[in-house]
């Protein structure tokens, strides 16, 4: 059993996490708060608060879809 496909997946996942972490770090240094976008719903009542990140979830879904599609196309070659 060859371990090359597992190694490729782990390398792609590691590089992807590194890049995402770097982007989040840069955005936080610039003062951009990624998870409080317009369209995210925040409900507060006394000591209770609830955040429903609708727009953030949609953007994260699009980003992960792009990353996975690129990874799958790379692994199929």
C-alpha atoms as a PDB file:
ATOM      1  CA  UNK A   1       0.000   0.000   0.000  1.00  0.00           C
ATOM      2  CA  UNK A   2       1.401   3.316  -1.094  1.00  0.00           C
ATOM      3  CA  UNK A   3       1.355   6.202   1.333  1.00  0.00           C
ATOM      4  CA  UNK A   4       1.952   8.858  -1.330  1.00  0.00           C
ATOM      5  CA  UNK A   5      -1.714   9.935  -1.672  1.00  0.00           C
ATOM      6  CA  UNK A   6      -2.018  10.374   2.095  1.00  0.00           C
ATOM      7  CA  UNK A   7       1.218  12.353   2.157  1.00  0.00           C
ATOM      8  CA  UNK A   8      -0.039  14.648  -0.620  1.00  0.00           C
ATOM      9  CA  UNK A   9      -3.324  15.250   1.168  1.00  0.00           C
ATOM     10  CA  UNK A  10      -1.532  16.077   4.406  1.00  0.00           C
ATOM     11  CA  UNK A  11       0.863  18.451   2.636  1.00  0.00           C
ATOM     12  CA  UNK A  12      -1.978  20.242   0.849  1.00  0.00           C
ATOM     13  CA  UNK A  13      -3.963  20.490   4.086  1.00  0.00           C
ATOM     14  CA  UNK A  14      -0.926  21.836   5.938  1.00  0.00           C
ATOM     15  CA  UNK A  15      -0.138  24.427   3.287  1.00  0.00           C
ATOM     16  CA  UNK A  16      -3.799  25.462   3.137  1.00  0.00           C
ATOM     17  CA  UNK A  17      -4.002  25.880   6.911  1.00  0.00           C
ATOM     18  CA  UNK A  18      -0.755  27.872   6.886  1.00  0.00           C
ATOM     19  CA  UNK A  19      -2.078  30.212   4.180  1.00  0.00           C
ATOM     20  CA  UNK A  20      -5.454  30.654   5.872  1.00  0.00           C
ATOM     21  CA  UNK A  21      -3.735  31.366   9.189  1.00  0.00           C
ATOM     22  CA  UNK A  22      -1.477  33.914   7.509  1.00  0.00           C
ATOM     23  CA  UNK A  23      -4.430  35.672   5.910  1.00  0.00           C
ATOM     24  CA  UNK A  24      -6.324  35.799   9.188  1.00  0.00           C
ATOM     25  CA  UNK A  25      -3.223  37.179  10.908  1.00  0.00           C
ATOM     26  CA  UNK A  26      -2.762  39.882   8.244  1.00  0.00           C
ATOM     27  CA  UNK A  27      -6.439  40.860   8.320  1.00  0.00           C
ATOM     28  CA  UNK A  28      -6.372  41.161  12.113  1.00  0.00           C
ATOM     29  CA  UNK A  29      -3.264  43.369  11.903  1.00  0.00           C
ATOM     30  CA  UNK A  30      -5.087  45.644   9.443  1.00  0.00           C
ATOM     31  CA  UNK A  31      -8.078  45.905  11.783  1.00  0.00           C
ATOM     32  CA  UNK A  32     -10.454  43.853   9.627  1.00  0.00           C
ATOM     33  CA  UNK A  33     -12.770  41.696  11.733  1.00  0.00           C
ATOM     34  CA  UNK A  34     -13.631  38.743   9.507  1.00  0.00           C
ATOM     35  CA  UNK A  35     -16.392  37.242  11.598  1.00  0.00           C
ATOM     36  CA  UNK A  36     -18.551  40.326  12.116  1.00  0.00           C
ATOM     37  CA  UNK A  37     -19.533  41.089   8.551  1.00  0.00           C
ATOM     38  CA  UNK A  38     -22.657  42.958   7.482  1.00  0.00           C
ATOM     39  CA  UNK A  39     -25.403  40.352   7.270  1.00  0.00           C
ATOM     40  CA  UNK A  40     -24.298  38.483  10.379  1.00  0.00           C
ATOM     41  CA  UNK A  41     -27.081  38.548  12.946  1.00  0.00           C
ATOM     42  CA  UNK A  42     -26.324  39.448  16.563  1.00  0.00           C
ATOM     43  CA  UNK A  43     -29.043  39.129  19.186  1.00  0.00           C
ATOM     44  CA  UNK A  44     -28.510  40.512  22.698  1.00  0.00           C
ATOM     45  CA  UNK A  45     -30.817  40.463  25.677  1.00  0.00           C
ATOM     46  CA  UNK A  46     -29.423  41.217  29.106  1.00  0.00           C
ATOM     47  CA  UNK A  47     -26.557  38.820  29.822  1.00  0.00           C
ATOM     48  CA  UNK A  48     -27.359  36.558  26.860  1.00  0.00           C
ATOM     49  CA  UNK A  49     -26.011  37.117  23.369  1.00  0.00           C
ATOM     50  CA  UNK A  50     -26.301  35.016  20.235  1.00  0.00           C
ATOM     51  CA  UNK A  51     -24.316  35.464  17.012  1.00  0.00           C
ATOM     52  CA  UNK A  52     -25.589  33.902  13.774  1.00  0.00           C
ATOM     53  CA  UNK A  53     -22.773  34.392  11.216  1.00  0.00           C
ATOM     54  CA  UNK A  54     -24.752  33.890   7.993  1.00  0.00           C
ATOM     55  CA  UNK A  55     -22.494  35.868   5.627  1.00  0.00           C
ATOM     56  CA  UNK A  56     -19.295  34.612   7.264  1.00  0.00           C
ATOM     57  CA  UNK A  57     -20.503  31.028   6.872  1.00  0.00           C
ATOM     58  CA  UNK A  58     -21.314  31.556   3.189  1.00  0.00           C
ATOM     59  CA  UNK A  59     -17.884  33.070   2.514  1.00  0.00           C
ATOM     60  CA  UNK A  60     -16.139  30.277   4.404  1.00  0.00           C
ATOM     61  CA  UNK A  61     -18.119  27.697   2.426  1.00  0.00           C
ATOM     62  CA  UNK A  62     -17.111  29.273  -0.885  1.00  0.00           C
ATOM     63  CA  UNK A  63     -13.452  29.417   0.175  1.00  0.00           C
ATOM     64  CA  UNK A  64     -13.386  25.786   1.305  1.00  0.00           C
ATOM     65  CA  UNK A  65     -15.151  24.677  -1.888  1.00  0.00           C
ATOM     66  CA  UNK A  66     -12.488  26.384  -3.989  1.00  0.00           C
ATOM     67  CA  UNK A  67      -9.662  24.861  -1.943  1.00  0.00           C
ATOM     68  CA  UNK A  68     -11.145  21.362  -2.111  1.00  0.00           C
ATOM     69  CA  UNK A  69     -11.790  21.603  -5.860  1.00  0.00           C
ATOM     70  CA  UNK A  70      -8.189  22.649  -6.465  1.00  0.00           C
ATOM     71  CA  UNK A  71      -6.915  19.839  -4.232  1.00  0.00           C
ATOM     72  CA  UNK A  72      -9.078  17.213  -5.942  1.00  0.00           C
ATOM     73  CA  UNK A  73      -7.992  18.332  -9.401  1.00  0.00           C
ATOM     74  CA  UNK A  74      -4.358  18.249  -8.292  1.00  0.00           C
ATOM     75  CA  UNK A  75      -4.679  14.739  -6.839  1.00  0.00           C
ATOM     76  CA  UNK A  76      -6.463  13.344  -9.927  1.00  0.00           C
ATOM     77  CA  UNK A  77      -3.505  14.093 -12.209  1.00  0.00           C
END
